[in-house]
Amino acid sequence: MAVEVLLVLNQFVYDIAVWLDDTAWSTLLHESYYMYNWTESTHVLTLMLSLGMLFLIDLRMMGYALTDVPASTIAHRLNIPMMVGFSIMIITGIMLVYAVPVRTTQSIWFRMKMVLLVACAINAYLFHKRMNESVSSWDNDVRAPKRIRTGAALSLGFWTLVVICGRFMAYDWFDCAYGQSALMEVLAGCLDGQTRF
């Protein structure tokens, strides 16, 4: 049953990807001499900006960086540049998917990255909720309480894996054009006779 649902979902995602791929703007972005490279470079630069700020916040909560500065001060000062970076990173990421939709959506690394991004979002929501509820009791402590430290450690781990998966998307190890195991083909979204690059 789960495999059948995945096959239907894979077909749906593939159909949308083909539709996007056939649009003039997708072709222009992918074949542009400069725009695709600028988009990709901006994506990576804003990734460094936003994750740099996030990792400083996480390391402060874990007691490894800036321990003499109150946790709320660090979070408050770094949240704006972090959110600006995340916003631009999301926009450029969508543009990169739009430029090469079929190959991207049929990448096991892209799919893992999307699952990890959902995990990052849930963890961030819980982290900020717990921090805002309790920060007044430990703001000047060297280390945050255990559940805040756990959220910070998960954040570091999830985002590290997101970056690794994003980097691996450039390689064709598990592309649908190559013979893969049946499980890998289902997970990557490969459909019989429907691979387009």
Protein backbone atom coordinates (compact mmCIF):
# COMPACT_ATOMS: atom_id res chain seq x y z
CA MET A 1 0.00 0.00 0.00
CA ALA A 2 2.77 2.45 0.94
CA VAL A 3 4.62 1.69 -2.31
CA GLU A 4 1.44 2.34 -4.32
CA VAL A 5 0.98 5.70 -2.59
CA LEU A 6 4.62 6.58 -3.34
CA LEU A 7 4.16 5.61 -7.00
CA VAL A 8 1.08 7.84 -7.30
CA LEU A 9 2.93 10.67 -5.54
CA ASN A 10 5.96 10.16 -7.78
CA GLN A 11 3.78 10.38 -10.88
CA PHE A 12 2.15 13.56 -9.57
CA VAL A 13 5.51 15.19 -8.80
CA TYR A 14 6.88 14.09 -12.17
CA ASP A 15 3.91 15.56 -14.05
CA ILE A 16 4.33 18.90 -12.28
CA ALA A 17 8.09 18.85 -12.93
CA VAL A 18 7.54 18.18 -16.65
CA TRP A 19 5.00 21.01 -16.80
CA LEU A 20 7.48 23.38 -15.13
CA ASP A 21 10.29 22.17 -17.37
CA ASP A 22 8.25 22.99 -20.47
CA THR A 23 7.76 26.63 -19.46
CA ALA A 24 9.83 29.27 -21.21
CA TRP A 25 11.07 30.82 -17.94
CA SER A 26 12.47 27.49 -16.73
CA THR A 27 14.39 27.07 -19.97
CA LEU A 28 15.63 30.67 -19.88
CA LEU A 29 16.85 30.34 -16.31
CA HIS A 30 18.58 27.02 -16.91
CA GLU A 31 20.21 28.07 -20.16
CA SER A 32 21.12 31.59 -19.06
CA TYR A 33 24.82 32.29 -19.25
CA TYR A 34 24.84 34.26 -15.98
CA MET A 35 21.49 34.07 -14.18
CA TYR A 36 21.63 30.41 -13.15
CA ASN A 37 25.17 30.86 -11.80
CA TRP A 38 24.21 34.04 -9.95
CA THR A 39 21.17 32.31 -8.48
CA GLU A 40 23.22 29.34 -7.34
CA SER A 41 25.97 31.57 -5.91
CA THR A 42 23.40 33.70 -4.05
CA HIS A 43 21.81 30.52 -2.68
CA VAL A 44 25.16 29.34 -1.30
CA LEU A 45 26.16 32.76 0.07
CA THR A 46 22.85 33.28 1.90
CA LEU A 47 23.08 29.70 3.16
CA MET A 48 26.44 30.61 4.72
CA LEU A 49 24.99 33.81 6.21
CA SER A 50 21.87 32.23 7.68
CA LEU A 51 23.52 29.05 8.91
CA GLY A 52 26.43 31.02 10.33
CA MET A 53 24.01 33.02 12.47
CA LEU A 54 21.99 29.93 13.38
CA PHE A 55 25.06 27.93 14.36
CA LEU A 56 26.24 30.80 16.62
CA ILE A 57 22.86 30.76 18.37
CA ASP A 58 22.95 26.96 18.69
CA LEU A 59 26.53 26.96 19.99
CA ARG A 60 25.62 29.67 22.54
CA MET A 61 22.73 27.54 23.80
CA MET A 62 25.04 24.55 24.13
CA GLY A 63 27.62 26.60 26.05
CA TYR A 64 30.38 26.49 23.42
CA ALA A 65 30.41 30.10 22.14
CA LEU A 66 29.82 33.61 23.48
CA THR A 67 28.99 32.30 26.95
CA ASP A 68 29.46 35.73 28.55
CA VAL A 69 26.60 37.22 26.45
CA PRO A 70 22.98 36.58 27.50
CA ALA A 71 21.29 34.00 25.28
CA SER A 72 18.34 36.28 24.53
CA THR A 73 20.71 39.05 23.35
CA ILE A 74 22.49 36.70 20.94
CA ALA A 75 19.17 35.39 19.58
CA HIS A 76 17.70 38.88 19.25
CA ARG A 77 20.69 40.37 17.44
CA LEU A 78 21.23 37.47 15.05
CA ASN A 79 17.60 36.70 14.20
CA ILE A 80 17.15 39.49 11.64
CA PRO A 81 20.23 38.75 9.48
CA MET A 82 19.47 35.04 9.84
CA MET A 83 15.88 35.48 8.64
CA VAL A 84 16.97 37.72 5.74
CA GLY A 85 19.45 35.04 4.71
CA PHE A 86 16.84 32.28 5.02
CA SER A 87 14.32 34.25 2.97
CA ILE A 88 16.73 34.84 0.10
CA MET A 89 17.99 31.25 0.37
CA ILE A 90 14.44 29.89 0.03
CA ILE A 91 13.67 32.12 -2.97
CA THR A 92 16.88 31.16 -4.78
CA GLY A 93 16.36 27.50 -3.88
CA ILE A 94 12.92 27.57 -5.50
CA MET A 95 14.47 29.21 -8.55
CA LEU A 96 17.09 26.44 -8.79
CA VAL A 97 14.41 23.75 -8.64
CA TYR A 98 12.39 25.66 -11.24
CA ALA A 99 15.42 25.81 -13.56
CA VAL A 100 15.94 22.01 -13.57
CA PRO A 101 12.70 20.54 -12.18
CA VAL A 102 12.71 16.98 -13.54
CA ARG A 103 16.25 16.01 -12.58
CA THR A 104 15.94 17.79 -9.25
CA THR A 105 12.68 16.14 -8.21
CA GLN A 106 14.03 12.74 -9.28
CA SER A 107 17.06 13.09 -7.01
CA ILE A 108 17.18 11.02 -3.85
CA TRP A 109 19.36 13.76 -2.34
CA PHE A 110 16.75 16.44 -3.08
CA ARG A 111 14.02 14.31 -1.52
CA MET A 112 16.14 13.68 1.58
CA LYS A 113 16.87 17.41 1.75
CA MET A 114 13.14 18.22 1.67
CA VAL A 115 12.41 15.77 4.50
CA LEU A 116 15.28 17.23 6.51
CA LEU A 117 14.01 20.78 5.88
CA VAL A 118 10.63 19.78 7.34
CA ALA A 119 12.47 18.33 10.36
CA CYS A 120 14.45 21.61 10.64
CA ALA A 121 11.24 23.66 10.57
CA ILE A 122 9.56 21.55 13.27
CA ASN A 123 12.68 21.64 15.42
CA ALA A 124 13.01 25.44 14.98
CA TYR A 125 9.39 25.96 15.99
CA LEU A 126 9.76 23.82 19.12
CA PHE A 127 13.16 25.36 19.93
CA HIS A 128 11.86 28.95 19.79
CA LYS A 129 8.70 28.04 21.69
CA ARG A 130 10.66 26.39 24.51
CA MET A 131 13.25 29.15 24.57
CA ASN A 132 10.70 31.95 24.75
CA GLU A 133 8.81 30.17 27.54
CA SER A 134 11.84 29.68 29.75
CA VAL A 135 14.65 32.07 28.77
CA SER A 136 14.14 34.38 31.74
CA SER A 137 15.22 31.64 34.15
CA TRP A 138 18.54 30.77 32.44
CA ASP A 139 19.38 33.71 30.15
CA ASN A 140 22.77 34.40 31.78
CA ASP A 141 23.72 30.77 32.39
CA VAL A 142 26.66 29.36 30.44
CA ARG A 143 24.48 26.56 29.08
CA ALA A 144 20.77 26.42 28.37
CA PRO A 145 18.57 23.71 29.93
CA LYS A 146 18.87 20.22 28.48
CA ARG A 147 15.82 20.37 26.19
CA ILE A 148 17.05 23.64 24.65
CA ARG A 149 20.53 22.14 24.19
CA THR A 150 18.96 19.07 22.57
CA GLY A 151 17.07 21.30 20.13
CA ALA A 152 20.30 23.17 19.33
CA ALA A 153 22.18 19.92 18.74
CA LEU A 154 19.38 18.64 16.48
CA SER A 155 19.47 21.93 14.60
CA LEU A 156 23.22 21.59 14.00
CA GLY A 157 22.82 17.98 12.88
CA PHE A 158 19.81 18.50 10.62
CA TRP A 159 21.27 21.56 8.89
CA THR A 160 24.62 19.83 8.37
CA LEU A 161 22.78 16.97 6.64
CA VAL A 162 20.76 19.47 4.56
CA VAL A 163 24.00 21.03 3.29
CA ILE A 164 25.50 17.59 2.54
CA CYS A 165 22.39 16.49 0.62
CA GLY A 166 22.34 19.78 -1.28
CA ARG A 167 25.96 19.28 -2.28
CA PHE A 168 25.35 15.66 -3.36
CA MET A 169 22.51 16.79 -5.68
CA ALA A 170 25.17 17.85 -8.19
CA TYR A 171 26.33 14.26 -8.66
CA ASP A 172 24.58 11.61 -10.73
CA TRP A 173 25.26 8.55 -8.53
CA PHE A 174 21.58 7.70 -8.22
CA ASP A 175 20.13 9.37 -11.33
CA CYS A 176 17.14 7.61 -12.85
CA ALA A 177 19.04 7.16 -16.12
CA TYR A 178 21.13 4.46 -14.42
CA GLY A 179 19.82 1.09 -13.34
CA GLN A 180 18.98 1.32 -9.64
CA SER A 181 17.39 -1.08 -7.20
CA ALA A 182 13.59 -1.06 -7.14
CA LEU A 183 13.60 0.60 -3.71
CA MET A 184 15.97 3.35 -4.83
CA GLU A 185 13.87 4.00 -7.95
CA VAL A 186 10.73 4.42 -5.85
CA LEU A 187 12.48 6.66 -3.31
CA ALA A 188 14.10 8.79 -6.02
CA GLY A 189 10.86 9.07 -7.99
CA CYS A 190 12.06 7.22 -11.07
CA LEU A 191 9.26 6.19 -13.42
CA ASP A 192 9.57 3.67 -16.26
CA GLY A 193 10.56 5.38 -19.47
CA GLN A 194 9.96 8.87 -18.08
CA THR A 195 13.40 10.23 -17.35
CA ARG A 196 14.09 13.66 -18.88
CA PHE A 197 17.13 15.83 -18.31
